[in-house]
Protein backbone atom coordinates (compact mmCIF):
# COMPACT_ATOMS: atom_id res chain seq x y z
CA MET A 1 -7.20 -68.02 12.04
CA LYS A 2 -7.95 -70.28 15.00
CA LEU A 3 -11.63 -69.88 15.84
CA ASN A 4 -11.68 -72.21 18.84
CA ASN A 5 -9.91 -75.34 20.08
CA ASP A 6 -11.69 -77.42 17.44
CA LEU A 7 -11.44 -75.29 14.33
CA LEU A 8 -8.91 -73.41 12.22
CA MET A 9 -10.14 -71.27 9.32
CA LEU A 10 -7.92 -70.84 6.26
CA SER A 11 -8.04 -67.80 3.96
CA LEU A 12 -7.05 -68.44 0.34
CA THR A 13 -7.17 -65.72 -2.30
CA ALA A 14 -8.56 -66.68 -5.71
CA ASP A 15 -9.46 -64.74 -8.86
CA PHE A 16 -12.44 -65.97 -10.87
CA GLY A 17 -12.07 -63.24 -13.49
CA ASN A 18 -13.95 -60.48 -11.70
CA GLY A 19 -11.31 -59.55 -9.13
CA PRO A 20 -9.85 -61.36 -6.14
CA SER A 21 -12.03 -63.17 -3.65
CA VAL A 22 -11.21 -65.17 -0.53
CA LEU A 23 -12.09 -68.82 0.01
CA HIS A 24 -12.35 -70.30 3.49
CA PRO A 25 -11.61 -74.02 3.83
CA VAL A 26 -11.40 -75.05 7.48
CA LEU A 27 -9.35 -77.55 9.45
CA ILE A 28 -11.18 -79.52 12.15
CA LEU A 29 -8.62 -80.08 14.88
CA ASP A 30 -8.37 -83.44 16.63
CA HIS A 31 -4.96 -84.46 17.95
CA GLU A 32 -6.07 -88.05 18.61
CA ALA A 33 -8.06 -88.89 15.47
CA GLY A 34 -6.01 -86.59 13.26
CA HIS A 35 -6.96 -83.30 11.63
CA THR A 36 -9.67 -82.99 8.95
CA LEU A 37 -9.58 -80.49 6.10
CA VAL A 38 -12.98 -79.38 4.80
CA ASP A 39 -12.72 -78.47 1.09
CA ALA A 40 -9.55 -77.74 -0.85
CA GLY A 41 -9.82 -74.66 -3.05
CA ILE A 42 -9.26 -74.21 -6.78
CA PRO A 43 -6.52 -76.02 -8.75
CA GLY A 44 -3.02 -74.95 -7.77
CA MET A 45 -3.81 -73.91 -4.21
CA GLU A 46 -1.92 -76.66 -2.42
CA ASP A 47 1.05 -74.36 -1.69
CA ALA A 48 -1.27 -71.70 -0.26
CA ILE A 49 -2.90 -74.35 1.93
CA ARG A 50 0.55 -75.53 3.02
CA ALA A 51 1.53 -71.95 3.94
CA GLU A 52 -1.65 -71.38 5.95
CA LEU A 53 -1.04 -74.58 7.89
CA ALA A 54 2.64 -73.77 8.44
CA ALA A 55 1.64 -70.50 10.10
CA GLN A 56 -0.07 -72.65 12.75
CA GLY A 57 2.83 -75.11 13.07
CA LEU A 58 1.11 -77.74 10.92
CA GLY A 59 1.83 -79.42 7.59
CA LEU A 60 -0.11 -81.21 4.88
CA GLU A 61 1.06 -84.49 6.41
CA ASP A 62 -1.06 -83.66 9.48
CA ILE A 63 -4.25 -83.93 7.41
CA LYS A 64 -5.72 -87.41 7.84
CA ARG A 65 -8.93 -86.88 5.87
CA VAL A 66 -10.64 -84.33 3.66
CA ILE A 67 -14.39 -83.86 3.86
CA VAL A 68 -15.82 -82.44 0.64
CA THR A 69 -18.95 -80.34 1.04
CA HIS A 70 -19.64 -80.59 -2.71
CA HIS A 71 -17.95 -81.11 -6.05
CA ASP A 72 -17.71 -77.55 -7.45
CA LEU A 73 -14.22 -76.86 -8.79
CA ASP A 74 -13.42 -74.18 -6.21
CA HIS A 75 -13.89 -76.84 -3.52
CA ILE A 76 -12.10 -79.85 -5.04
CA GLY A 77 -9.62 -78.22 -7.43
CA SER A 78 -6.56 -78.85 -5.23
CA LEU A 79 -7.93 -82.03 -3.68
CA PRO A 80 -5.79 -84.42 -5.79
CA ALA A 81 -2.59 -82.55 -4.82
CA VAL A 82 -3.55 -82.42 -1.14
CA VAL A 83 -4.34 -86.13 -1.10
CA ALA A 84 -1.09 -86.96 -2.89
CA ALA A 85 0.96 -84.91 -0.42
CA SER A 86 -0.80 -86.05 2.75
CA GLY A 87 -2.16 -89.53 2.05
CA ALA A 88 -5.49 -88.26 3.42
CA LYS A 89 -8.73 -90.15 2.88
CA VAL A 90 -11.64 -88.41 1.14
CA TRP A 91 -15.14 -88.37 2.64
CA ALA A 92 -18.31 -86.96 1.07
CA LEU A 93 -22.07 -87.26 1.23
CA GLU A 94 -23.18 -90.33 -0.71
CA ARG A 95 -25.11 -88.43 -3.42
CA GLU A 96 -22.04 -86.34 -4.25
CA ILE A 97 -19.65 -89.27 -4.78
CA PRO A 98 -20.31 -89.94 -8.50
CA LEU A 99 -19.82 -86.23 -9.19
CA ILE A 100 -16.48 -86.15 -7.33
CA GLU A 101 -15.25 -89.41 -8.87
CA GLY A 102 -16.16 -88.35 -12.41
CA ASP A 103 -18.86 -90.92 -13.08
CA GLU A 104 -21.40 -88.10 -13.43
CA TRP A 105 -20.81 -84.82 -15.30
CA PRO A 106 -20.38 -81.84 -12.90
CA GLN A 107 -23.83 -80.49 -12.18
CA LYS A 108 -23.16 -76.86 -13.13
CA ARG A 109 -20.39 -77.25 -15.68
CA PRO A 110 -21.59 -76.73 -19.27
CA ARG A 111 -20.76 -79.54 -21.65
CA PRO A 112 -18.35 -78.74 -24.53
CA GLU A 113 -21.18 -78.38 -27.06
CA GLN A 114 -23.02 -75.97 -24.73
CA ILE A 115 -19.89 -73.88 -24.30
CA GLU A 116 -19.46 -73.73 -28.08
CA GLN A 117 -23.04 -72.52 -28.52
CA MET A 118 -22.69 -69.85 -25.84
CA MET A 119 -19.38 -68.63 -27.24
CA ALA A 120 -21.09 -68.08 -30.60
CA ASP A 121 -24.13 -66.34 -29.09
CA PRO A 122 -23.83 -62.52 -29.39
CA ASN A 123 -26.25 -62.11 -26.48
CA VAL A 124 -23.91 -63.81 -24.00
CA PRO A 125 -21.87 -61.14 -22.14
CA GLN A 126 -18.13 -61.10 -22.80
CA ALA A 127 -17.37 -61.65 -19.09
CA ARG A 128 -19.40 -64.86 -19.21
CA LYS A 129 -17.56 -65.96 -22.36
CA ASP A 130 -14.20 -65.28 -20.70
CA MET A 131 -15.23 -67.44 -17.75
CA LEU A 132 -16.42 -70.21 -20.09
CA ARG A 133 -13.09 -70.07 -21.94
CA ARG A 134 -11.17 -70.52 -18.68
CA MET A 135 -13.52 -73.30 -17.58
CA SER A 136 -13.19 -75.22 -20.83
CA ALA A 137 -9.39 -75.13 -20.46
CA MET A 138 -9.61 -76.90 -17.09
CA PRO A 139 -10.15 -80.66 -17.17
CA PRO A 140 -12.73 -81.93 -14.67
CA VAL A 141 -11.18 -83.00 -11.37
CA LYS A 142 -11.74 -86.65 -10.46
CA VAL A 143 -10.87 -88.02 -7.02
CA LYS A 144 -11.66 -91.36 -5.40
CA VAL A 145 -13.91 -91.06 -2.36
CA ASP A 146 -13.02 -93.45 0.46
CA ARG A 147 -16.07 -93.07 2.68
CA ALA A 148 -19.71 -92.20 2.06
CA LEU A 149 -21.29 -89.92 4.63
CA HIS A 150 -24.97 -89.89 5.54
CA ASP A 151 -27.36 -87.23 6.79
CA GLY A 152 -27.49 -87.11 10.59
CA GLU A 153 -24.36 -89.20 11.07
CA VAL A 154 -22.14 -88.00 13.92
CA LEU A 155 -18.45 -88.41 13.17
CA PRO A 156 -16.14 -89.17 16.12
CA LEU A 157 -14.04 -86.07 15.55
CA ALA A 158 -13.49 -83.00 17.76
CA GLY A 159 -16.18 -83.93 20.26
CA GLY A 160 -18.69 -84.94 17.58
CA VAL A 161 -19.23 -83.59 14.07
CA LYS A 162 -22.76 -83.97 12.75
CA VAL A 163 -23.26 -84.41 9.01
CA VAL A 164 -26.12 -82.26 7.73
CA ALA A 165 -27.35 -82.88 4.18
CA THR A 166 -28.03 -79.43 2.69
CA PRO A 167 -28.91 -79.90 -1.00
CA GLY A 168 -29.90 -77.12 -3.34
CA HIS A 169 -26.54 -75.61 -4.24
CA THR A 170 -25.68 -79.08 -5.56
CA PHE A 171 -27.49 -82.41 -5.41
CA GLY A 172 -25.42 -83.75 -2.52
CA HIS A 173 -24.15 -80.69 -0.70
CA ALA A 174 -23.22 -81.32 2.95
CA SER A 175 -22.72 -78.98 5.89
CA LEU A 176 -21.10 -79.89 9.21
CA TYR A 177 -22.04 -79.06 12.80
CA LEU A 178 -19.38 -79.24 15.51
CA GLU A 179 -21.42 -80.14 18.58
CA ARG A 180 -18.90 -79.20 21.27
CA SER A 181 -18.28 -75.68 20.01
CA GLN A 182 -21.72 -75.23 18.39
CA THR A 183 -20.04 -74.25 15.14
CA LEU A 184 -21.75 -74.65 11.76
CA ILE A 185 -19.64 -75.10 8.61
CA THR A 186 -21.96 -74.30 5.71
CA GLY A 187 -19.79 -74.72 2.62
CA ASP A 188 -21.80 -72.91 -0.08
CA ALA A 189 -25.22 -73.64 1.45
CA MET A 190 -24.94 -70.10 2.83
CA THR A 191 -22.72 -67.06 2.27
CA SER A 192 -21.77 -64.12 4.46
CA ASN A 193 -20.34 -60.64 4.24
CA THR A 194 -18.52 -58.86 7.10
CA GLY A 195 -20.31 -60.88 9.73
CA THR A 196 -23.78 -60.78 8.16
CA LEU A 197 -25.27 -64.09 7.06
CA HIS A 198 -26.97 -64.53 3.67
CA GLY A 199 -28.45 -67.35 1.66
CA PRO A 200 -26.48 -69.12 -1.07
CA SER A 201 -25.56 -67.41 -4.30
CA ALA A 202 -28.70 -67.56 -6.45
CA GLN A 203 -26.60 -67.44 -9.62
CA ALA A 204 -24.67 -70.55 -8.57
CA THR A 205 -27.55 -72.45 -6.94
CA PRO A 206 -29.79 -74.39 -9.36
CA ASP A 207 -32.50 -75.22 -6.81
CA MET A 208 -33.15 -72.27 -4.53
CA LYS A 209 -36.34 -73.77 -3.10
CA THR A 210 -34.47 -76.83 -1.83
CA ALA A 211 -31.61 -74.60 -0.72
CA GLY A 212 -34.06 -72.60 1.39
CA GLU A 213 -35.32 -75.80 3.01
CA SER A 214 -31.70 -76.68 3.79
CA VAL A 215 -31.17 -73.34 5.52
CA GLY A 216 -34.31 -74.04 7.55
CA LYS A 217 -32.82 -77.37 8.57
CA MET A 218 -29.62 -75.65 9.75
CA ALA A 219 -31.67 -73.09 11.65
CA GLY A 220 -32.93 -75.95 13.82
CA LEU A 221 -29.45 -76.33 15.32
CA ASP A 222 -28.15 -74.37 18.30
CA VAL A 223 -25.39 -72.35 16.66
CA GLN A 224 -22.88 -69.96 18.19
CA THR A 225 -20.58 -69.54 15.18
CA VAL A 226 -21.08 -69.97 11.44
CA VAL A 227 -18.28 -70.35 8.90
CA THR A 228 -19.20 -69.86 5.24
CA TYR A 229 -16.80 -70.78 2.43
CA HIS A 230 -17.47 -67.42 0.78
CA GLY A 231 -17.47 -64.74 3.45
CA GLY A 232 -15.89 -66.35 6.49
CA VAL A 233 -16.99 -66.10 10.12
CA VAL A 234 -20.31 -65.03 11.57
CA HIS A 235 -20.28 -64.69 15.36
CA GLU A 236 -22.92 -62.21 16.38
CA GLY A 237 -26.46 -63.54 16.83
CA ALA A 238 -25.89 -66.64 14.72
CA ASN A 239 -29.21 -68.30 15.60
CA GLU A 240 -31.14 -65.10 14.97
CA GLN A 241 -29.35 -64.55 11.68
CA LEU A 242 -30.15 -68.09 10.57
CA SER A 243 -33.83 -67.50 11.32
CA ARG A 244 -33.74 -64.21 9.39
CA VAL A 245 -32.27 -65.88 6.31
CA VAL A 246 -34.90 -68.62 6.46
CA GLY A 247 -37.59 -65.95 6.30
CA GLU A 248 -35.86 -64.05 3.52
CA MET A 249 -35.48 -67.16 1.38
CA ALA A 250 -39.05 -68.29 2.02
CA GLY A 251 -40.28 -64.88 0.85
CA ALA A 252 -38.05 -64.92 -2.23
CA ASN A 253 -39.12 -68.45 -3.15
CA GLY A 254 -42.79 -67.57 -2.80
């Protein structure tokens, strides 16, 4: 779906064991500097990404760089395949680089000994054990990062793309603000549902206090459109919705 002249939103269906869900990587369009993919789905999604691009007359070879919002597997799973097919460079916020490159264990992935303990614990729900079993079968994804991004940096893409450090969901989570179209790409720093904006998933966010501060930081931008990785597009009253979520998270965090 083309949201404006600067942004194309992809819709990729994934199943994490509790039914299908839709992931929304985006493509920042810039015919001079080359197009930029933001996030790359779970392992094995490169063909789905290729099909989404083909529907818009584009191919993987048109991707010149991939910006990673954070290192969770549903964001970097197909990154190696996309990079291999396109030759794209990988950019990420500096704090996230050792997690993407494999020098630091993934922040939310249990270590093998922790998985073994949980599998033997009768108090752990079976659905959780099934997810752990699938997770342990997947080797960690490791990808070389070519450029470190920094908070507040404005990238010379699509009329200016501002890097916004939004930690909380992970140590080095980044969101992006397209200045020309006033579009905010939140990654997992926020979620949405049928056009209504929400905070990040509490279950998947280790530091909700910091995450709430990150939402407050995003609320300081003048936003017309929000795109969340889980949930998609929010058009109506984006600024007001951002302010509402700030208040909700502040109340929840005490």
